[in-house]
Protein backbone atom coordinates (compact mmCIF):
# COMPACT_ATOMS: atom_id res chain seq x y z
CA UNK A 1 -106.27 148.50 25.35
CA UNK A 2 -104.62 145.13 24.71
CA UNK A 3 -105.26 142.36 27.23
CA UNK A 4 -101.58 142.27 28.18
CA UNK A 5 -101.29 146.04 28.57
CA UNK A 6 -100.62 147.26 32.09
CA UNK A 7 -102.59 150.33 33.07
CA UNK A 8 -101.67 150.53 36.77
CA UNK A 9 -98.39 149.36 38.30
CA UNK A 10 -98.99 147.65 41.64
CA UNK A 11 -96.05 145.30 42.19
CA UNK A 12 -92.70 144.05 40.90
CA UNK A 13 -94.42 141.62 38.56
CA UNK A 14 -96.10 144.56 36.81
CA UNK A 15 -92.71 146.26 36.47
CA UNK A 16 -91.19 143.13 34.94
CA UNK A 17 -94.09 142.58 32.55
CA UNK A 18 -94.12 146.23 31.52
CA UNK A 19 -90.37 146.23 30.92
CA UNK A 20 -90.64 143.15 28.72
CA UNK A 21 -93.29 144.89 26.63
CA UNK A 22 -91.24 148.09 26.47
CA UNK A 23 -88.13 146.26 25.25
CA UNK A 24 -90.16 144.59 22.51
CA UNK A 25 -91.56 147.98 21.57
CA UNK A 26 -88.08 149.59 21.38
CA UNK A 27 -85.18 147.09 21.15
CA UNK A 28 -82.70 150.00 21.47
CA UNK A 29 -83.47 149.91 25.18
CA UNK A 30 -82.24 146.32 25.67
CA UNK A 31 -78.57 147.23 26.36
CA UNK A 32 -79.74 150.11 28.55
CA UNK A 33 -81.83 147.70 30.62
CA UNK A 34 -78.83 145.36 30.97
CA UNK A 35 -76.79 148.19 32.48
CA UNK A 36 -79.65 149.52 34.61
CA UNK A 37 -80.39 146.22 36.33
CA UNK A 38 -83.62 145.55 38.28
CA UNK A 39 -86.07 148.46 38.33
CA UNK A 40 -87.20 149.51 41.82
CA UNK A 41 -90.94 149.59 42.50
CA UNK A 42 -90.90 152.38 45.13
CA UNK A 43 -94.68 152.86 45.39
CA UNK A 44 -96.03 155.10 48.14
CA UNK A 45 -99.61 155.35 49.32
CA UNK A 46 -101.60 158.08 47.58
CA UNK A 47 -102.80 161.03 49.61
CA UNK A 48 -101.41 164.10 51.34
CA UNK A 49 -98.26 162.43 52.71
CA UNK A 50 -97.33 160.96 49.33
CA UNK A 51 -97.62 164.25 47.48
CA UNK A 52 -96.01 166.18 50.34
CA UNK A 53 -92.94 163.93 50.24
CA UNK A 54 -92.54 164.60 46.51
CA UNK A 55 -92.80 168.35 47.09
CA UNK A 56 -90.12 168.09 49.79
CA UNK A 57 -87.80 166.10 47.50
CA UNK A 58 -87.98 168.56 44.60
CA UNK A 59 -84.83 170.57 43.88
CA UNK A 60 -82.92 169.46 46.98
CA UNK A 61 -80.40 166.70 47.62
CA UNK A 62 -81.63 163.30 48.80
CA UNK A 63 -79.90 163.81 52.16
CA UNK A 64 -81.57 167.19 52.68
CA UNK A 65 -84.98 165.86 51.65
CA UNK A 66 -84.64 162.89 54.01
CA UNK A 67 -83.69 165.19 56.90
CA UNK A 68 -86.63 167.53 56.26
CA UNK A 69 -89.05 164.63 55.96
CA UNK A 70 -87.84 163.09 59.25
CA UNK A 71 -88.55 166.41 61.01
CA UNK A 72 -92.05 166.53 59.53
CA UNK A 73 -92.79 162.94 60.57
CA UNK A 74 -91.40 163.56 64.06
CA UNK A 75 -94.22 165.94 64.99
CA UNK A 76 -96.97 163.40 64.27
CA UNK A 77 -98.98 161.78 61.46
CA UNK A 78 -98.47 163.44 58.09
CA UNK A 79 -102.07 164.20 57.19
CA UNK A 80 -103.71 167.29 55.72
CA UNK A 81 -105.60 167.90 58.96
CA UNK A 82 -102.53 167.53 61.17
CA UNK A 83 -100.36 169.69 58.92
CA UNK A 84 -102.94 172.47 58.69
CA UNK A 85 -103.08 172.57 62.49
CA UNK A 86 -99.33 172.98 62.96
CA UNK A 87 -98.04 176.19 64.50
CA UNK A 88 -96.04 178.24 61.95
CA UNK A 89 -93.13 178.23 64.40
CA UNK A 90 -93.05 174.42 64.25
CA UNK A 91 -93.17 174.44 60.45
CA UNK A 92 -90.25 176.89 60.44
CA UNK A 93 -88.06 174.22 62.09
CA UNK A 94 -88.50 171.75 59.22
CA UNK A 95 -86.01 173.47 56.92
CA UNK A 96 -88.48 174.05 54.09
CA UNK A 97 -88.05 176.93 51.71
CA UNK A 98 -90.72 179.60 51.97
CA UNK A 99 -92.22 178.46 48.66
CA UNK A 100 -92.45 174.80 49.72
CA UNK A 101 -93.87 175.68 53.12
CA UNK A 102 -96.56 177.71 51.36
CA UNK A 103 -97.26 174.88 48.89
CA UNK A 104 -97.71 172.33 51.68
CA UNK A 105 -99.97 174.64 53.66
CA UNK A 106 -102.15 175.36 50.62
CA UNK A 107 -102.21 171.67 49.73
CA UNK A 108 -103.45 170.76 53.20
CA UNK A 109 -106.18 173.39 52.88
CA UNK A 110 -107.19 172.12 49.43
CA UNK A 111 -107.52 168.57 50.74
CA UNK A 112 -109.50 169.66 53.81
CA UNK A 113 -111.92 171.80 51.81
CA UNK A 114 -112.44 169.08 49.21
CA UNK A 115 -110.90 171.15 46.43
CA UNK A 116 -108.83 168.06 45.57
CA UNK A 117 -109.23 164.36 46.36
CA UNK A 118 -105.75 162.88 46.12
CA UNK A 119 -107.05 159.32 46.27
CA UNK A 120 -109.81 159.69 43.70
CA UNK A 121 -107.51 161.48 41.26
CA UNK A 122 -105.36 158.35 41.07
CA UNK A 123 -108.00 156.34 39.26
CA UNK A 124 -108.87 158.80 36.49
CA UNK A 125 -107.20 159.11 33.10
CA UNK A 126 -103.64 160.45 33.27
CA UNK A 127 -104.03 163.70 31.34
CA UNK A 128 -107.19 164.61 33.26
CA UNK A 129 -105.43 163.86 36.55
CA UNK A 130 -102.48 166.04 35.57
CA UNK A 131 -104.75 168.93 34.68
CA UNK A 132 -106.39 168.80 38.10
CA UNK A 133 -103.13 168.51 40.01
CA UNK A 134 -101.42 171.46 38.32
CA UNK A 135 -104.32 173.70 39.31
CA UNK A 136 -103.10 173.43 42.91
CA UNK A 137 -100.87 176.34 44.03
CA UNK A 138 -97.20 175.41 43.76
CA UNK A 139 -97.81 172.10 41.96
CA UNK A 140 -96.14 172.00 38.56
CA UNK A 141 -96.08 169.30 35.87
CA UNK A 142 -93.04 167.49 37.33
CA UNK A 143 -94.60 167.17 40.78
CA UNK A 144 -97.91 166.01 39.33
CA UNK A 145 -96.26 163.46 37.02
CA UNK A 146 -94.11 162.00 39.79
CA UNK A 147 -97.18 161.69 42.04
CA UNK A 148 -99.01 159.76 39.33
CA UNK A 149 -96.04 157.43 38.82
CA UNK A 150 -95.07 156.71 42.42
CA UNK A 151 -98.36 157.11 44.29
CA UNK A 152 -101.05 156.32 41.71
CA UNK A 153 -98.97 153.73 39.87
CA UNK A 154 -99.87 155.11 36.44
CA UNK A 155 -98.02 153.15 33.77
CA UNK A 156 -97.87 155.77 31.03
CA UNK A 157 -96.42 159.00 32.46
CA UNK A 158 -93.00 160.43 31.59
CA UNK A 159 -91.66 163.55 33.39
CA UNK A 160 -89.79 165.20 30.53
CA UNK A 161 -88.69 168.04 32.81
CA UNK A 162 -86.72 165.75 35.11
CA UNK A 163 -83.03 166.66 34.81
CA UNK A 164 -81.82 163.15 35.67
CA UNK A 165 -83.99 161.67 32.92
CA UNK A 166 -82.76 164.27 30.44
CA UNK A 167 -79.16 163.46 31.37
CA UNK A 168 -79.75 159.72 31.27
CA UNK A 169 -81.42 159.70 27.86
CA UNK A 170 -78.69 161.93 26.41
CA UNK A 171 -76.03 159.58 27.78
CA UNK A 172 -77.79 156.41 26.62
CA UNK A 173 -78.33 157.67 23.07
CA UNK A 174 -75.01 159.54 22.79
CA UNK A 175 -76.75 162.87 22.22
CA UNK A 176 -74.53 165.93 21.95
CA UNK A 177 -76.57 167.84 24.49
CA UNK A 178 -79.25 167.14 27.07
CA UNK A 179 -82.76 167.28 25.56
CA UNK A 180 -85.09 169.94 26.94
CA UNK A 181 -88.43 168.92 28.45
CA UNK A 182 -90.46 169.29 25.26
CA UNK A 183 -87.93 167.36 23.19
CA UNK A 184 -87.69 164.54 25.73
CA UNK A 185 -91.48 164.30 25.97
CA UNK A 186 -91.56 163.87 22.20
CA UNK A 187 -88.89 161.15 22.33
CA UNK A 188 -90.88 159.37 25.07
CA UNK A 189 -94.03 159.24 22.92
CA UNK A 190 -92.64 156.15 21.21
CA UNK A 191 -92.60 154.34 24.58
CA UNK A 192 -96.35 154.68 25.19
CA UNK A 193 -98.20 152.99 26.85
CA UNK A 194 -95.20 152.13 29.06
CA UNK A 195 -93.68 155.56 29.59
CA UNK A 196 -93.57 155.18 33.39
CA UNK A 197 -91.57 151.97 32.91
CA UNK A 198 -89.25 153.87 30.57
CA UNK A 199 -88.82 156.59 33.19
CA UNK A 200 -87.96 154.00 35.84
CA UNK A 201 -85.52 152.41 33.38
CA UNK A 202 -83.68 155.66 32.71
CA UNK A 203 -83.59 156.61 36.41
CA UNK A 204 -82.02 153.20 37.11
CA UNK A 205 -79.60 153.68 34.19
CA UNK A 206 -78.64 157.08 35.61
CA UNK A 207 -77.97 155.51 39.02
CA UNK A 208 -75.89 152.72 37.47
CA UNK A 209 -73.77 154.95 35.23
CA UNK A 210 -73.50 158.06 37.41
CA UNK A 211 -73.23 156.16 40.72
CA UNK A 212 -75.89 158.41 42.18
CA UNK A 213 -79.51 157.77 43.15
CA UNK A 214 -81.94 159.54 40.84
CA UNK A 215 -85.45 158.45 41.84
CA UNK A 216 -87.26 161.67 42.77
CA UNK A 217 -88.95 160.37 45.91
CA UNK A 218 -88.05 160.29 49.59
């Protein structure tokens, strides 16, 4: 690893430094960065609450995700222990789909039993962390990748299955159709070791050009 390479993103200065390196790596991204503007940091603390908020945000509108998350927070601290102790009738009032409710319940159980350590997983190599996360019931690659970007601060993760990123890259590069996950992941290889910066860049570009927030976190 080069001395100037950023492995973990902790603050806005890391975002700025990583973006500068990314733009040197791929000058095609310079006009995209000019349109995108400043890249938000949006880091959340790792742990049950961080991953739970990502699960809640998946496949629903930002407004719906915010409303569900407020209901969850209203009943007390969002911890694995507290969530596992909730009465099913209380959980039913949150507005979660059956699948998400099941995922959160199983996640709380996995944390409590020690099947997963959501803090420790943040400091291991990205691919190894992803492999562990996707073993959890209901946790797919997108959820795991977003957790590593926004809770662990990993600098080199790119969620190729994210629809907003697919749309944004297609728009930026004037592609005839939106790239599928595998194709986008291949495109993103050229942005290593700053793929998380590239993802933030294209989410910001999406927001600037589509006039709609795209960051997949509550």
